[in-house]
Each structure stands twice: as C-alpha cells, then as structure tokens.
C-alpha cells in the first residue's frame, strides 16, 4: 500500500481551497463543486487542510469535515493526503481521524514553535507517523535549518515516511538533500515533491523532484497537468512556455510575502462563479486593482 501511495505522489498534488458561505461557514456544495471539477480534469492527488485550505483558520471540527467531504468526493479517483499539524497530540488525533475517514496518507505541517531543533523535528514526525503505521507520511519542509541528515534519519527510523514536500526556495539545497538521503537510504526510498508549486517546479525537477504541489490547480487544473506532462517528457520548451503563462498568477500570490496566496486563488474561483471570495483573518480579500489583475490573467488563459 505504501508503494501505491509513493507512485501516486509523483504527480500534481493539489491543495484544496475551503469555500465559505455567506455566514462564513464551510460551504459544502461549493467545496464539492470545486473539487469535482479538478478531479474531472484529471487531478489525482488532493490535500485537504493544507495552507491553501486556510488550515490555521479552521477549527478541528471544520478540518475533519473538510477531510470527510474530500474523501467522499474523491472516492477511488484520487489519493487523499490529509494535512495535520499543531502540537504532537493534536497532530496524532488528526492523523488517526484521517485513517478512520479513509485517507491513505497525511501531510505533516511544519511544526509551529519558535524553537525548533533537527532532533526535535525528527521526534515530532516520528511520533505522528508511529500513530498511523498504515498511512503514508509526507513531511512539509519549510525551514532551511532542517538539515538533510534529519530527513535521512527520519527515513531510517520511520518505515511509513514516504515523501518530502520541500518548500525551501533553494534548488541547490533541495538537490543536496536528495543526494544525501539517496546515499543513506536508497534512490527509491522517498518521493520528492516541489512544495513551491508551478513557479519553482521546472527548477527543482532536474535535481530530483517527481511531483509538485499546486493551488493553481483549483482554478486551471489543465495548465498544471500540462506542465507535469512536459516535465515528465523532458520537454523544456513546452514546460517554459507553460511556466511563462502561469507565472503572472503565481506572482500575484507571492506578492507582499505571500499575503495574498490564498486570496488570489479564491478571487479567481469567485470570478469563475465557483465559490465566494471570502477568506478568514488574518488574511483579507483583494482590493479592486487586484481583482482586475486576476480577471486579466483569467482572460489571457481563456
């Protein structure tokens, strides 16, 4: 089963949005509609309760509900990788709920703590993984201070650790991490995922990435899938043509320290009449000028 999870992760790993209704609650119908549209387009790996899902703005009950909606809608069409995090006990409880609801893997968010050691990072992930040995575990690596040796150690002590969502914007460091882990644990031990989405995927691919995460896929899943196909085929020209087409959208998301990362995605979905543009504090909706930029990009890609 874990090998099946690893094979599935070599793909576009879409992070779901969490639509809200007029009252500010999770909008079940819109959630299903947005997700169904991407599944119909061919997206076959989805992560509910990721950062694009507004993970840190959802209650525990809402996170469980979003996961249940995802598993039910995805059925056998997609691998569901449930986002879990916070303190160890909460992450473990969320992981066990994910197993109970039918997810086959979890993505463990970067631990939220002002003080983080490499050894403690390994212990945190091992505690969560050990609680659900039947699930594949993907770590979400966002800190440049976690060394490649910590990844190799986690691979050594945690059999169900299957993948790395690497979100440090440094392809050289990424390539070095791949090399260290492969030397220590074997070339096929882990699946390496570019955790910085389409903007960085072409530059992570030559040094070991086999998939990439995507919030854009909520909006234009075909673009993301076409980029994946070009990267798999080694077609640099096609990949960079697609990269130039999607980069303005990703630049809008990355502006102001990524303050609008989720907002831009929801704005695009709102303009496509798929869900409301509502987001929860501490993020906010786009001003009029930003909405116009999103509209112009949507028009440019048809």
Foldseek 3Di string as FASTA:
>chain_A
DLVVVLVQQLAAEEEAAFFADPVRHGDLVLSLLLLLVLLVVPAAHYEYLDVLNVNVVDDPVRLLVSLLSNCVSCPNSHQYAYEAAEALVRRLVVLVSNVVSPHQHYEYEDYPDPDDDLVVSLVSQQSNCVSCVRHAYEYEDADPRNALVSVLVSLVPHVRDAEYQYAHPDLVRLLVSLVVNCVRPNNRSHAYEPALPLLCVVVNLVSGHSYYYDNCSSQVVVLRRQLNVCSVVVPVVSNVVSNVLCVVLVVLCPPPNSLCVSLLSLLSCVVVVSHHSDDDPPHDHDDPVSSVSSVVSVVVVD
